[in-house]
Amino acid sequence: MTDAIRVAGADDVPALYALLQDAYAPLEQQGVLFTITRSPIERVAQTVARETTFVLERTDADGRAALAATLTVRFPWVSGERHRTPYPFLHWFAVAPAFKRLGLGQALIDHVESRFLTEQVKAPATYLATATRHPWLQPYYEKRGYVAFDRSTNALGTPLVWLRKILIPALYPDPPAADAAPDGERVAAGA
């Protein structure tokens, strides 16, 4: 087996859409609703065209390739989107059910954070959001160095926590008011 990380293209949209649906749909049973589960395939096509969507593709011994994981980077200059900070926003982080617990999601996010955002883009920081009711994602991100700074609710009524990670401390100024939790408090997963 071989793994390759690359930027998704238009030809990947059907497989990417299926991966996102398969990865996020089981969370609905826990009351965790993400808007991608209600979005048409055209939304994925638009995102692939406008943003930088990474995929980790695994090829088996017979030469069959499958999308195993994905992570999308939205830059602050993408129009029509709300930006909470002036840094790249990570979203649609997902691992296909058949490839869970193999370290592929971690390999992909490591690649995006270090090789792409830090080494190539020179982004001082990045941020993301996850559902407060998700059973393990906020602690996972916190172990990776993310710090909660805001809360909101998505269009489906799911409470979210927003987390940021400083990638290049020398380039990261004092956090603006919109990039800090009130009174320095930690935004708890159950909040």
Protein backbone atom coordinates (compact mmCIF):
# COMPACT_ATOMS: atom_id res chain seq x y z
CA MET A 1 0.00 0.00 0.00
CA THR A 2 1.10 3.53 -0.71
CA ASP A 3 -0.29 6.82 0.47
CA ALA A 4 -0.15 10.11 -1.38
CA ILE A 5 -1.30 13.54 -0.22
CA ARG A 6 -2.39 15.88 -2.98
CA VAL A 7 -4.75 18.73 -3.79
CA ALA A 8 -8.16 17.54 -4.99
CA GLY A 9 -9.42 18.41 -8.44
CA ALA A 10 -12.78 18.39 -10.17
CA ASP A 11 -12.46 14.66 -10.95
CA ASP A 12 -12.33 13.93 -7.22
CA VAL A 13 -15.65 15.62 -6.39
CA PRO A 14 -17.91 12.49 -6.46
CA ALA A 15 -15.54 10.44 -4.28
CA LEU A 16 -14.90 13.41 -1.99
CA TYR A 17 -18.62 14.02 -1.55
CA ALA A 18 -19.14 10.33 -0.70
CA LEU A 19 -16.26 10.40 1.80
CA LEU A 20 -17.69 13.47 3.56
CA GLN A 21 -21.19 11.97 3.72
CA ASP A 22 -19.90 8.63 5.02
CA ALA A 23 -17.66 10.27 7.63
CA TYR A 24 -20.15 12.82 8.99
CA ALA A 25 -23.48 10.98 8.75
CA PRO A 26 -22.90 8.70 11.80
CA LEU A 27 -22.53 11.80 14.00
CA GLU A 28 -26.19 12.71 13.41
CA GLN A 29 -27.20 9.88 15.76
CA GLN A 30 -25.35 11.77 18.51
CA GLY A 31 -27.06 15.05 17.70
CA VAL A 32 -24.00 16.44 15.94
CA LEU A 33 -25.18 18.02 12.70
CA PHE A 34 -22.74 19.43 10.18
CA THR A 35 -24.02 21.38 7.20
CA ILE A 36 -22.07 19.24 4.70
CA THR A 37 -24.44 16.35 5.42
CA ARG A 38 -27.29 18.45 4.01
CA SER A 39 -25.35 20.02 1.16
CA PRO A 40 -25.59 19.00 -2.50
CA ILE A 41 -22.60 17.67 -4.42
CA GLU A 42 -22.41 21.06 -6.17
CA ARG A 43 -21.25 22.62 -2.90
CA VAL A 44 -18.30 20.25 -2.83
CA ALA A 45 -17.53 21.08 -6.47
CA GLN A 46 -17.60 24.82 -5.68
CA THR A 47 -15.37 24.34 -2.64
CA VAL A 48 -12.82 22.29 -4.60
CA ALA A 49 -12.76 25.04 -7.24
CA ARG A 50 -12.40 27.95 -4.76
CA GLU A 51 -10.46 26.53 -1.82
CA THR A 52 -7.50 24.20 -1.31
CA THR A 53 -8.85 20.74 -0.56
CA PHE A 54 -6.27 18.14 0.35
CA VAL A 55 -6.91 14.43 0.04
CA LEU A 56 -4.91 11.50 1.28
CA GLU A 57 -5.22 8.77 -1.32
CA ARG A 58 -4.33 5.18 -0.49
CA THR A 59 -3.41 2.78 -3.28
CA ASP A 60 -3.61 -0.93 -2.48
CA ALA A 61 -1.34 -3.73 -3.75
CA ASP A 62 -3.59 -4.20 -6.78
CA GLY A 63 -3.21 -0.55 -7.79
CA ARG A 64 -6.72 0.50 -6.72
CA ALA A 65 -6.76 4.01 -5.27
CA ALA A 66 -9.30 5.34 -2.77
CA LEU A 67 -9.71 8.66 -1.01
CA ALA A 68 -9.00 7.87 2.63
CA ALA A 69 -9.03 11.34 4.25
CA THR A 70 -9.60 14.99 3.43
CA LEU A 71 -9.02 18.46 4.85
CA THR A 72 -9.90 21.78 3.23
CA VAL A 73 -8.14 25.12 3.72
CA ARG A 74 -10.15 28.31 3.17
CA PHE A 75 -8.05 31.42 2.88
CA PRO A 76 -9.32 34.72 4.30
CA TRP A 77 -9.55 36.31 0.85
CA VAL A 78 -12.27 33.90 -0.35
CA SER A 79 -15.25 36.18 -0.90
CA GLY A 80 -18.74 35.33 0.23
CA GLU A 81 -17.54 33.62 3.40
CA ARG A 82 -17.42 34.94 6.96
CA HIS A 83 -13.93 34.95 8.43
CA ARG A 84 -13.45 35.00 12.20
CA THR A 85 -9.73 35.70 12.00
CA PRO A 86 -7.31 36.83 9.29
CA TYR A 87 -5.79 33.34 9.14
CA PRO A 88 -6.55 30.24 7.04
CA PHE A 89 -9.60 28.27 8.17
CA LEU A 90 -9.52 24.46 8.24
CA HIS A 91 -12.73 22.57 7.59
CA TRP A 92 -14.15 19.32 6.24
CA PHE A 93 -11.58 17.24 8.11
CA ALA A 94 -12.76 13.68 7.59
CA VAL A 95 -11.51 10.12 7.36
CA ALA A 96 -13.44 7.48 5.42
CA PRO A 97 -14.88 4.86 7.78
CA ALA A 98 -12.84 2.06 6.17
CA PHE A 99 -9.62 3.94 7.00
CA LYS A 100 -10.29 5.10 10.56
CA ARG A 101 -7.79 4.43 13.36
CA LEU A 102 -4.86 4.02 10.96
CA GLY A 103 -3.28 7.43 11.64
CA LEU A 104 -4.22 8.75 8.19
CA GLY A 105 -6.16 11.75 9.50
CA GLN A 106 -3.23 12.70 11.70
CA ALA A 107 -0.83 12.32 8.76
CA LEU A 108 -3.00 14.60 6.65
CA ILE A 109 -3.45 17.33 9.24
CA ASP A 110 0.30 17.18 10.03
CA HIS A 111 1.04 17.70 6.33
CA VAL A 112 -1.38 20.62 5.98
CA GLU A 113 -0.24 22.37 9.16
CA SER A 114 3.52 21.92 8.79
CA ARG A 115 4.39 21.43 5.15
CA PHE A 116 1.68 23.58 3.57
CA LEU A 117 0.57 26.31 6.00
CA THR A 118 3.85 26.75 7.87
CA GLU A 119 6.57 26.00 5.30
CA GLN A 120 4.88 27.12 2.08
CA VAL A 121 2.24 29.70 2.99
CA LYS A 122 4.05 31.04 6.09
CA ALA A 123 0.72 31.43 7.87
CA PRO A 124 1.22 32.73 11.43
CA ALA A 125 -1.82 30.77 12.65
CA THR A 126 -4.80 28.74 11.56
CA TYR A 127 -8.23 28.08 13.01
CA LEU A 128 -11.14 25.65 12.83
CA ALA A 129 -14.48 24.85 14.42
CA THR A 130 -15.98 21.66 15.75
CA ALA A 131 -19.20 20.66 17.44
CA THR A 132 -19.11 20.96 21.23
CA ARG A 133 -21.04 17.66 21.40
CA HIS A 134 -18.51 15.78 19.28
CA PRO A 135 -17.20 13.05 21.56
CA TRP A 136 -13.46 13.48 20.94
CA LEU A 137 -12.52 16.19 18.43
CA GLN A 138 -12.04 19.19 20.75
CA PRO A 139 -9.61 17.27 23.01
CA TYR A 140 -7.85 15.94 19.89
CA TYR A 141 -7.34 19.46 18.56
CA GLU A 142 -6.26 20.77 21.97
CA LYS A 143 -3.58 18.04 22.14
CA ARG A 144 -2.39 19.34 18.77
CA GLY A 145 -1.96 22.84 20.23
CA TYR A 146 -5.30 24.44 19.37
CA VAL A 147 -6.88 26.83 21.88
CA ALA A 148 -10.60 27.66 22.02
CA PHE A 149 -11.43 31.31 21.41
CA ASP A 150 -15.11 31.57 20.48
CA ARG A 151 -18.47 29.81 20.35
CA SER A 152 -21.35 29.89 17.89
CA THR A 153 -24.16 27.75 16.50
CA ASN A 154 -24.23 26.46 12.93
CA ALA A 155 -27.21 26.71 10.57
CA LEU A 156 -28.52 23.34 11.79
CA GLY A 157 -28.51 24.36 15.46
CA THR A 158 -25.33 22.54 16.46
CA PRO A 159 -23.24 24.42 19.05
CA LEU A 160 -19.68 24.97 17.84
CA VAL A 161 -16.39 25.82 19.49
CA TRP A 162 -13.78 27.74 17.49
CA LEU A 163 -10.12 26.90 18.06
CA ARG A 164 -6.91 28.48 16.79
CA LYS A 165 -3.35 27.28 16.62
CA ILE A 166 -0.28 29.46 16.38
CA LEU A 167 1.97 27.99 13.69
CA ILE A 168 4.80 30.56 13.58
CA PRO A 169 5.03 32.40 16.93
CA ALA A 170 7.48 35.01 15.61
CA LEU A 171 4.92 36.08 13.01
CA TYR A 172 1.89 35.96 15.30
CA PRO A 173 1.09 39.31 16.95
CA ASP A 174 -0.80 39.70 20.18
CA PRO A 175 -4.21 38.16 19.55
CA PRO A 176 -6.87 40.68 18.56
CA ALA A 177 -9.99 40.83 20.70
CA ALA A 178 -11.88 38.59 18.26
CA ASP A 179 -9.15 35.95 18.61
CA ALA A 180 -9.23 35.49 22.37
CA ALA A 181 -11.68 33.88 24.74
CA PRO A 182 -13.37 36.36 27.09
CA ASP A 183 -11.21 36.98 30.17
CA GLY A 184 -8.78 34.31 28.96
CA GLU A 185 -11.19 31.53 29.92
CA ARG A 186 -11.04 28.11 28.28
CA VAL A 187 -14.04 27.38 26.12
CA ALA A 188 -15.12 24.01 27.47
CA ALA A 189 -16.34 21.16 25.26
CA GLY A 190 -19.65 20.92 27.08
CA ALA A 191 -20.31 24.66 27.06
